[in-house]
Amino acid sequence: GRWEFSSFEMFWYVGVAVAAYAAARVAFFVWRQFVRGEGDAVRKHKGRWAVVTGASWGIGYGFAHELARRGLNVVVVARSGERLREVCAELEREYHV
């Protein structure tokens, strides 16, 4: 019939739903804390240092810049040593951290 699913299909649909829900929760958190500015998650958890992995590109790069902009000392981790040095120089030049 139209609404009959195999066990694999059912688990696949449930997995997609769970992944979509988790992605929506993460996106909402990032939007609320960093875009809309509702509360400062960085200062709420205290600390003067942050460790950012994958800081040479993409989301890690964005987080490193945002945390440095907010005045935290940022420890950046990346696979590419050359690109890592470039990111460190940018952070030091733009945010004096």
C-alpha atoms as a PDB file:
ATOM      1  CA  GLY A   1       0.000   0.000   0.000  1.00  0.00           C
ATOM      2  CA  ARG A   2       0.818   3.606  -0.086  1.00  0.00           C
ATOM      3  CA  TRP A   3       1.885   3.949   3.571  1.00  0.00           C
ATOM      4  CA  GLU A   4       3.833   0.708   3.968  1.00  0.00           C
ATOM      5  CA  PHE A   5       7.531   1.060   4.759  1.00  0.00           C
ATOM      6  CA  SER A   6      10.321  -1.451   5.218  1.00  0.00           C
ATOM      7  CA  SER A   7      12.268  -1.358   8.484  1.00  0.00           C
ATOM      8  CA  PHE A   8      15.183   0.310   6.701  1.00  0.00           C
ATOM      9  CA  GLU A   9      12.971   3.036   5.244  1.00  0.00           C
ATOM     10  CA  MET A  10      11.363   3.693   8.625  1.00  0.00           C
ATOM     11  CA  PHE A  11      14.756   4.046  10.349  1.00  0.00           C
ATOM     12  CA  TRP A  12      15.935   6.289   7.511  1.00  0.00           C
ATOM     13  CA  TYR A  13      12.943   8.619   7.879  1.00  0.00           C
ATOM     14  CA  VAL A  14      13.328   8.726  11.653  1.00  0.00           C
ATOM     15  CA  GLY A  15      17.054   9.437  11.276  1.00  0.00           C
ATOM     16  CA  VAL A  16      16.401  12.275   8.851  1.00  0.00           C
ATOM     17  CA  ALA A  17      13.829  13.759  11.227  1.00  0.00           C
ATOM     18  CA  VAL A  18      16.208  13.556  14.203  1.00  0.00           C
ATOM     19  CA  ALA A  19      19.072  15.094  12.198  1.00  0.00           C
ATOM     20  CA  ALA A  20      16.828  17.909  10.957  1.00  0.00           C
ATOM     21  CA  TYR A  21      15.655  18.608  14.509  1.00  0.00           C
ATOM     22  CA  ALA A  22      19.246  18.697  15.842  1.00  0.00           C
ATOM     23  CA  ALA A  23      20.378  20.986  13.005  1.00  0.00           C
ATOM     24  CA  ALA A  24      17.458  23.323  13.672  1.00  0.00           C
ATOM     25  CA  ARG A  25      18.334  23.489  17.384  1.00  0.00           C
ATOM     26  CA  VAL A  26      21.986  24.313  16.650  1.00  0.00           C
ATOM     27  CA  ALA A  27      21.024  26.932  14.065  1.00  0.00           C
ATOM     28  CA  PHE A  28      18.554  28.545  16.465  1.00  0.00           C
ATOM     29  CA  PHE A  29      21.149  28.648  19.249  1.00  0.00           C
ATOM     30  CA  VAL A  30      23.771  30.245  16.989  1.00  0.00           C
ATOM     31  CA  TRP A  31      21.211  32.733  15.653  1.00  0.00           C
ATOM     32  CA  ARG A  32      19.962  33.651  19.128  1.00  0.00           C
ATOM     33  CA  GLN A  33      23.395  33.990  20.732  1.00  0.00           C
ATOM     34  CA  PHE A  34      25.483  35.492  17.969  1.00  0.00           C
ATOM     35  CA  VAL A  35      23.239  37.055  15.347  1.00  0.00           C
ATOM     36  CA  ARG A  36      20.382  38.428  17.380  1.00  0.00           C
ATOM     37  CA  GLY A  37      22.623  39.076  20.378  1.00  0.00           C
ATOM     38  CA  GLU A  38      20.196  37.748  22.984  1.00  0.00           C
ATOM     39  CA  GLY A  39      22.578  37.242  25.853  1.00  0.00           C
ATOM     40  CA  ASP A  40      26.268  36.808  25.421  1.00  0.00           C
ATOM     41  CA  ALA A  41      26.998  33.085  25.534  1.00  0.00           C
ATOM     42  CA  VAL A  42      30.713  33.822  25.608  1.00  0.00           C
ATOM     43  CA  ARG A  43      30.661  35.937  28.755  1.00  0.00           C
ATOM     44  CA  LYS A  44      27.911  33.872  30.375  1.00  0.00           C
ATOM     45  CA  HIS A  45      30.291  30.926  30.581  1.00  0.00           C
ATOM     46  CA  LYS A  46      33.148  33.131  31.766  1.00  0.00           C
ATOM     47  CA  GLY A  47      36.746  32.670  30.874  1.00  0.00           C
ATOM     48  CA  ARG A  48      39.248  34.710  28.915  1.00  0.00           C
ATOM     49  CA  TRP A  49      40.382  31.940  26.567  1.00  0.00           C
ATOM     50  CA  ALA A  50      38.719  29.936  23.822  1.00  0.00           C
ATOM     51  CA  VAL A  51      40.003  27.003  21.763  1.00  0.00           C
ATOM     52  CA  VAL A  52      38.719  26.864  18.182  1.00  0.00           C
ATOM     53  CA  THR A  53      39.404  23.809  16.038  1.00  0.00           C
ATOM     54  CA  GLY A  54      39.202  23.967  12.275  1.00  0.00           C
ATOM     55  CA  ALA A  55      39.988  27.668  12.439  1.00  0.00           C
ATOM     56  CA  SER A  56      41.529  27.967   8.993  1.00  0.00           C
ATOM     57  CA  TRP A  57      38.237  27.818   7.025  1.00  0.00           C
ATOM     58  CA  GLY A  58      34.472  27.808   7.360  1.00  0.00           C
ATOM     59  CA  ILE A  59      32.645  27.825  10.663  1.00  0.00           C
ATOM     60  CA  GLY A  60      35.805  27.532  12.761  1.00  0.00           C
ATOM     61  CA  TYR A  61      37.251  30.553  10.977  1.00  0.00           C
ATOM     62  CA  GLY A  62      34.079  32.516  11.695  1.00  0.00           C
ATOM     63  CA  PHE A  63      34.021  31.489  15.348  1.00  0.00           C
ATOM     64  CA  ALA A  64      37.678  32.450  15.802  1.00  0.00           C
ATOM     65  CA  HIS A  65      37.006  35.926  14.424  1.00  0.00           C
ATOM     66  CA  GLU A  66      33.813  36.408  16.443  1.00  0.00           C
ATOM     67  CA  LEU A  67      35.411  35.308  19.710  1.00  0.00           C
ATOM     68  CA  ALA A  68      38.451  37.512  19.099  1.00  0.00           C
ATOM     69  CA  ARG A  69      36.142  40.425  18.259  1.00  0.00           C
ATOM     70  CA  ARG A  70      34.495  39.904  21.636  1.00  0.00           C
ATOM     71  CA  GLY A  71      37.859  40.213  23.350  1.00  0.00           C
ATOM     72  CA  LEU A  72      38.744  36.617  24.143  1.00  0.00           C
ATOM     73  CA  ASN A  73      42.209  35.193  23.674  1.00  0.00           C
ATOM     74  CA  VAL A  74      41.804  32.539  21.003  1.00  0.00           C
ATOM     75  CA  VAL A  75      43.853  29.356  20.600  1.00  0.00           C
ATOM     76  CA  VAL A  76      43.366  28.257  16.995  1.00  0.00           C
ATOM     77  CA  VAL A  77      43.922  24.722  15.713  1.00  0.00           C
ATOM     78  CA  ALA A  78      44.074  23.740  12.040  1.00  0.00           C
ATOM     79  CA  ARG A  79      45.619  21.113   9.789  1.00  0.00           C
ATOM     80  CA  SER A  80      47.397  23.545   7.475  1.00  0.00           C
ATOM     81  CA  GLY A  81      50.321  25.243   9.194  1.00  0.00           C
ATOM     82  CA  GLU A  82      50.643  27.953   6.555  1.00  0.00           C
ATOM     83  CA  ARG A  83      46.957  28.853   6.640  1.00  0.00           C
ATOM     84  CA  LEU A  84      47.031  28.753  10.444  1.00  0.00           C
ATOM     85  CA  ARG A  85      49.800  31.360  10.511  1.00  0.00           C
ATOM     86  CA  GLU A  86      47.727  33.574   8.168  1.00  0.00           C
ATOM     87  CA  VAL A  87      44.666  33.322  10.420  1.00  0.00           C
ATOM     88  CA  CYS A  88      46.769  34.113  13.511  1.00  0.00           C
ATOM     89  CA  ALA A  89      48.177  37.190  11.801  1.00  0.00           C
ATOM     90  CA  GLU A  90      44.653  38.335  10.835  1.00  0.00           C
ATOM     91  CA  LEU A  91      43.388  37.932  14.399  1.00  0.00           C
ATOM     92  CA  GLU A  92      46.349  39.791  15.853  1.00  0.00           C
ATOM     93  CA  ARG A  93      46.086  42.592  13.291  1.00  0.00           C
ATOM     94  CA  GLU A  94      42.305  43.076  13.456  1.00  0.00           C
ATOM     95  CA  TYR A  95      41.564  42.411  17.152  1.00  0.00           C
ATOM     96  CA  HIS A  96      44.922  42.757  18.956  1.00  0.00           C
ATOM     97  CA  VAL A  97      44.606  39.356  20.618  1.00  0.00           C
END
